[in-house]
Amino acid sequence: MTATGKTRVTEPCWPKAAASAAIFRGNAVLLVERGKPPVSGVWSLPGGHIEPGEPARDAALREVTEETGIRAELLGLADVHDVIIRDEAGALQAHFLLAVFYGRWLAGEPAAATDCRDARFVPLDEIGTYPLTDGAQRIIQKAARLLRG
């Protein structure tokens, strides 16, 4: 509220910080199918918001566990990626700055949770058959190269 008692309308503060991870088990990467708009039905790496005071690396591991139930270890940063979503008129709906880590599966079988419809390990040679979020295939390929050294 302002000093006059009126409610102040403010625009969302963009971009928002987010983190995700490309987790590999053998020659497969962990993917989740999103269940909420604006990306429902689209597959992506598990990830989400970074909480205030939470390091990006910790956020990525937390999101992997929350969304899929698996345990993983992170080995490094694969990329920093902008996710910019606009409506049909071109107005900004969301802008996330995403720190994408890469790592290895340690334990557990993927089970979709939170805002995910499905979670599974997908062979790398099949990721192109999934409707992926913008830039995901490029980042997954880069993360796979980094993992191999």
C-alpha atoms as a PDB file:
ATOM      1  CA  MET A   1       0.000   0.000   0.000  1.00  0.00           C
ATOM      2  CA  THR A   2       1.016   3.554  -0.618  1.00  0.00           C
ATOM      3  CA  ALA A   3       0.987   6.363   1.968  1.00  0.00           C
ATOM      4  CA  THR A   4      -2.501   7.308   0.713  1.00  0.00           C
ATOM      5  CA  GLY A   5      -3.829   3.818   1.472  1.00  0.00           C
ATOM      6  CA  LYS A   6      -4.144   2.773  -2.180  1.00  0.00           C
ATOM      7  CA  THR A   7      -2.847  -0.565  -3.352  1.00  0.00           C
ATOM      8  CA  ARG A   8       0.136  -0.214  -5.641  1.00  0.00           C
ATOM      9  CA  VAL A   9       0.092  -2.367  -8.763  1.00  0.00           C
ATOM     10  CA  THR A  10       3.562  -3.550  -9.648  1.00  0.00           C
ATOM     11  CA  GLU A  11       4.860  -5.515 -12.576  1.00  0.00           C
ATOM     12  CA  PRO A  12       6.494  -8.878 -11.859  1.00  0.00           C
ATOM     13  CA  CYS A  13      10.224  -8.608 -11.334  1.00  0.00           C
ATOM     14  CA  TRP A  14      11.906 -10.587 -14.109  1.00  0.00           C
ATOM     15  CA  PRO A  15      14.044 -12.606 -14.593  1.00  0.00           C
ATOM     16  CA  LYS A  16      13.539 -15.170 -11.828  1.00  0.00           C
ATOM     17  CA  ALA A  17      16.387 -17.476 -10.814  1.00  0.00           C
ATOM     18  CA  ALA A  18      15.905 -21.196 -11.480  1.00  0.00           C
ATOM     19  CA  ALA A  19      18.038 -24.339 -11.624  1.00  0.00           C
ATOM     20  CA  SER A  20      17.803 -27.718 -13.325  1.00  0.00           C
ATOM     21  CA  ALA A  21      19.971 -30.743 -13.958  1.00  0.00           C
ATOM     22  CA  ALA A  22      20.757 -33.193 -16.745  1.00  0.00           C
ATOM     23  CA  ILE A  23      21.101 -36.446 -14.810  1.00  0.00           C
ATOM     24  CA  PHE A  24      22.516 -39.411 -16.693  1.00  0.00           C
ATOM     25  CA  ARG A  25      22.206 -43.144 -16.061  1.00  0.00           C
ATOM     26  CA  GLY A  26      24.345 -44.940 -18.598  1.00  0.00           C
ATOM     27  CA  ASN A  27      23.423 -43.580 -22.029  1.00  0.00           C
ATOM     28  CA  ALA A  28      20.068 -42.137 -20.879  1.00  0.00           C
ATOM     29  CA  VAL A  29      19.047 -38.756 -19.446  1.00  0.00           C
ATOM     30  CA  LEU A  30      16.332 -38.064 -16.886  1.00  0.00           C
ATOM     31  CA  LEU A  31      13.363 -36.174 -18.357  1.00  0.00           C
ATOM     32  CA  VAL A  32      10.074 -35.019 -16.861  1.00  0.00           C
ATOM     33  CA  GLU A  33       6.804 -34.235 -18.594  1.00  0.00           C
ATOM     34  CA  ARG A  34       5.412 -30.934 -17.328  1.00  0.00           C
ATOM     35  CA  GLY A  35       1.839 -30.961 -16.076  1.00  0.00           C
ATOM     36  CA  LYS A  36       1.059 -27.250 -15.682  1.00  0.00           C
ATOM     37  CA  PRO A  37       0.634 -24.443 -18.228  1.00  0.00           C
ATOM     38  CA  PRO A  38       2.266 -22.860 -20.067  1.00  0.00           C
ATOM     39  CA  VAL A  39       4.410 -25.947 -20.740  1.00  0.00           C
ATOM     40  CA  SER A  40       2.020 -28.805 -19.907  1.00  0.00           C
ATOM     41  CA  GLY A  41       2.700 -31.860 -22.070  1.00  0.00           C
ATOM     42  CA  VAL A  42       6.243 -30.718 -22.848  1.00  0.00           C
ATOM     43  CA  TRP A  43       9.286 -32.647 -21.645  1.00  0.00           C
ATOM     44  CA  SER A  44      12.237 -31.011 -19.907  1.00  0.00           C
ATOM     45  CA  LEU A  45      15.025 -31.541 -17.450  1.00  0.00           C
ATOM     46  CA  PRO A  46      13.819 -31.575 -13.846  1.00  0.00           C
ATOM     47  CA  GLY A  47      14.166 -28.161 -12.253  1.00  0.00           C
ATOM     48  CA  GLY A  48      12.478 -25.143 -10.785  1.00  0.00           C
ATOM     49  CA  HIS A  49      12.774 -22.002  -8.704  1.00  0.00           C
ATOM     50  CA  ILE A  50      15.754 -21.222  -6.530  1.00  0.00           C
ATOM     51  CA  GLU A  51      14.494 -20.378  -3.042  1.00  0.00           C
ATOM     52  CA  PRO A  52      15.812 -17.207  -1.352  1.00  0.00           C
ATOM     53  CA  GLY A  53      19.195 -17.987   0.206  1.00  0.00           C
ATOM     54  CA  GLU A  54      19.476 -21.369  -1.534  1.00  0.00           C
ATOM     55  CA  PRO A  55      22.568 -21.995  -3.678  1.00  0.00           C
ATOM     56  CA  ALA A  56      21.695 -22.853  -7.304  1.00  0.00           C
ATOM     57  CA  ARG A  57      23.448 -26.229  -7.070  1.00  0.00           C
ATOM     58  CA  ASP A  58      21.382 -27.187  -4.001  1.00  0.00           C
ATOM     59  CA  ALA A  59      18.202 -26.039  -5.746  1.00  0.00           C
ATOM     60  CA  ALA A  60      18.943 -28.262  -8.754  1.00  0.00           C
ATOM     61  CA  LEU A  61      19.438 -31.338  -6.548  1.00  0.00           C
ATOM     62  CA  ARG A  62      16.328 -30.525  -4.498  1.00  0.00           C
ATOM     63  CA  GLU A  63      14.211 -30.152  -7.647  1.00  0.00           C
ATOM     64  CA  VAL A  64      15.493 -33.454  -9.095  1.00  0.00           C
ATOM     65  CA  THR A  65      14.513 -35.248  -5.889  1.00  0.00           C
ATOM     66  CA  GLU A  66      11.162 -33.455  -5.490  1.00  0.00           C
ATOM     67  CA  GLU A  67      10.082 -34.012  -9.091  1.00  0.00           C
ATOM     68  CA  THR A  68      11.368 -37.553  -9.645  1.00  0.00           C
ATOM     69  CA  GLY A  69      12.291 -39.159  -6.316  1.00  0.00           C
ATOM     70  CA  ILE A  70      15.768 -40.162  -7.469  1.00  0.00           C
ATOM     71  CA  ARG A  71      19.097 -39.366  -5.826  1.00  0.00           C
ATOM     72  CA  ALA A  72      21.877 -37.904  -7.934  1.00  0.00           C
ATOM     73  CA  GLU A  73      25.260 -36.233  -7.713  1.00  0.00           C
ATOM     74  CA  LEU A  74      26.096 -33.071  -9.600  1.00  0.00           C
ATOM     75  CA  LEU A  75      29.459 -32.843 -11.347  1.00  0.00           C
ATOM     76  CA  GLY A  76      29.398 -29.372 -12.844  1.00  0.00           C
ATOM     77  CA  LEU A  77      27.592 -26.545 -14.587  1.00  0.00           C
ATOM     78  CA  ALA A  78      26.520 -27.337 -18.157  1.00  0.00           C
ATOM     79  CA  ASP A  79      25.005 -24.017 -19.219  1.00  0.00           C
ATOM     80  CA  VAL A  80      23.089 -20.906 -18.243  1.00  0.00           C
ATOM     81  CA  HIS A  81      19.879 -20.645 -20.240  1.00  0.00           C
ATOM     82  CA  ASP A  82      17.161 -18.019 -20.606  1.00  0.00           C
ATOM     83  CA  VAL A  83      13.572 -19.260 -20.667  1.00  0.00           C
ATOM     84  CA  ILE A  84      11.414 -16.438 -22.018  1.00  0.00           C
ATOM     85  CA  ILE A  85       7.677 -16.997 -22.399  1.00  0.00           C
ATOM     86  CA  ARG A  86       5.443 -14.528 -24.235  1.00  0.00           C
ATOM     87  CA  ASP A  87       1.710 -14.559 -24.887  1.00  0.00           C
ATOM     88  CA  GLU A  88       0.196 -14.451 -28.378  1.00  0.00           C
ATOM     89  CA  ALA A  89       0.396 -10.638 -28.406  1.00  0.00           C
ATOM     90  CA  GLY A  90       4.095 -10.768 -27.518  1.00  0.00           C
ATOM     91  CA  ALA A  91       3.714  -9.592 -23.910  1.00  0.00           C
ATOM     92  CA  LEU A  92       6.208 -11.077 -21.468  1.00  0.00           C
ATOM     93  CA  GLN A  93       4.602 -13.779 -19.335  1.00  0.00           C
ATOM     94  CA  ALA A  94       7.724 -15.166 -17.686  1.00  0.00           C
ATOM     95  CA  HIS A  95      11.510 -14.933 -17.853  1.00  0.00           C
ATOM     96  CA  PHE A  96      13.663 -17.416 -15.965  1.00  0.00           C
ATOM     97  CA  LEU A  97      17.447 -17.451 -15.862  1.00  0.00           C
ATOM     98  CA  LEU A  98      18.211 -21.143 -15.532  1.00  0.00           C
ATOM     99  CA  ALA A  99      21.476 -22.601 -14.198  1.00  0.00           C
ATOM    100  CA  VAL A 100      21.676 -26.087 -15.751  1.00  0.00           C
ATOM    101  CA  PHE A 101      23.930 -28.583 -13.988  1.00  0.00           C
ATOM    102  CA  TYR A 102      24.895 -32.083 -15.067  1.00  0.00           C
ATOM    103  CA  GLY A 103      25.504 -35.208 -13.046  1.00  0.00           C
ATOM    104  CA  ARG A 104      24.954 -38.900 -12.466  1.00  0.00           C
ATOM    105  CA  TRP A 105      22.141 -41.016 -11.100  1.00  0.00           C
ATOM    106  CA  LEU A 106      22.902 -42.600  -7.729  1.00  0.00           C
ATOM    107  CA  ALA A 107      19.720 -44.407  -6.666  1.00  0.00           C
ATOM    108  CA  GLY A 108      15.978 -44.745  -7.121  1.00  0.00           C
ATOM    109  CA  GLU A 109      13.574 -45.122 -10.003  1.00  0.00           C
ATOM    110  CA  PRO A 110      11.903 -42.028 -11.476  1.00  0.00           C
ATOM    111  CA  ALA A 111       8.364 -41.367 -10.257  1.00  0.00           C
ATOM    112  CA  ALA A 112       6.599 -38.160 -11.295  1.00  0.00           C
ATOM    113  CA  ALA A 113       5.736 -35.810  -8.445  1.00  0.00           C
ATOM    114  CA  THR A 114       4.866 -32.139  -7.812  1.00  0.00           C
ATOM    115  CA  ASP A 115       3.963 -30.515 -11.162  1.00  0.00           C
ATOM    116  CA  CYS A 116       5.140 -33.425 -13.371  1.00  0.00           C
ATOM    117  CA  ARG A 117       2.933 -35.907 -15.232  1.00  0.00           C
ATOM    118  CA  ASP A 118       5.702 -38.396 -15.966  1.00  0.00           C
ATOM    119  CA  ALA A 119       9.407 -38.937 -15.283  1.00  0.00           C
ATOM    120  CA  ARG A 120      11.750 -41.370 -17.012  1.00  0.00           C
ATOM    121  CA  PHE A 121      15.248 -42.023 -18.247  1.00  0.00           C
ATOM    122  CA  VAL A 122      15.294 -41.541 -22.025  1.00  0.00           C
ATOM    123  CA  PRO A 123      18.085 -42.942 -24.227  1.00  0.00           C
ATOM    124  CA  LEU A 124      20.082 -40.078 -25.748  1.00  0.00           C
ATOM    125  CA  ASP A 125      19.358 -41.257 -29.276  1.00  0.00           C
ATOM    126  CA  GLU A 126      15.590 -40.931 -28.576  1.00  0.00           C
ATOM    127  CA  ILE A 127      15.405 -37.435 -27.038  1.00  0.00           C
ATOM    128  CA  GLY A 128      14.612 -35.904 -30.432  1.00  0.00           C
ATOM    129  CA  THR A 129      11.324 -37.840 -30.509  1.00  0.00           C
ATOM    130  CA  TYR A 130      10.040 -36.006 -27.408  1.00  0.00           C
ATOM    131  CA  PRO A 131       8.491 -32.514 -27.484  1.00  0.00           C
ATOM    132  CA  LEU A 132      11.179 -30.709 -25.476  1.00  0.00           C
ATOM    133  CA  THR A 133      11.366 -27.245 -23.982  1.00  0.00           C
ATOM    134  CA  ASP A 134      13.281 -24.736 -26.071  1.00  0.00           C
ATOM    135  CA  GLY A 135      17.022 -25.384 -25.931  1.00  0.00           C
ATOM    136  CA  ALA A 136      16.769 -28.625 -23.934  1.00  0.00           C
ATOM    137  CA  GLN A 137      18.179 -30.907 -26.624  1.00  0.00           C
ATOM    138  CA  ARG A 138      21.232 -28.691 -27.155  1.00  0.00           C
ATOM    139  CA  ILE A 139      21.884 -28.481 -23.405  1.00  0.00           C
ATOM    140  CA  ILE A 140      21.454 -32.245 -22.924  1.00  0.00           C
ATOM    141  CA  GLN A 141      23.953 -32.938 -25.704  1.00  0.00           C
ATOM    142  CA  LYS A 142      26.414 -30.458 -24.216  1.00  0.00           C
ATOM    143  CA  ALA A 143      25.989 -31.988 -20.739  1.00  0.00           C
ATOM    144  CA  ALA A 144      26.578 -35.488 -22.148  1.00  0.00           C
ATOM    145  CA  ARG A 145      29.838 -34.294 -23.739  1.00  0.00           C
ATOM    146  CA  LEU A 146      30.936 -32.706 -20.460  1.00  0.00           C
ATOM    147  CA  LEU A 147      30.114 -35.880 -18.547  1.00  0.00           C
ATOM    148  CA  ARG A 148      32.223 -37.978 -20.931  1.00  0.00           C
ATOM    149  CA  GLY A 149      35.105 -35.556 -20.393  1.00  0.00           C
END
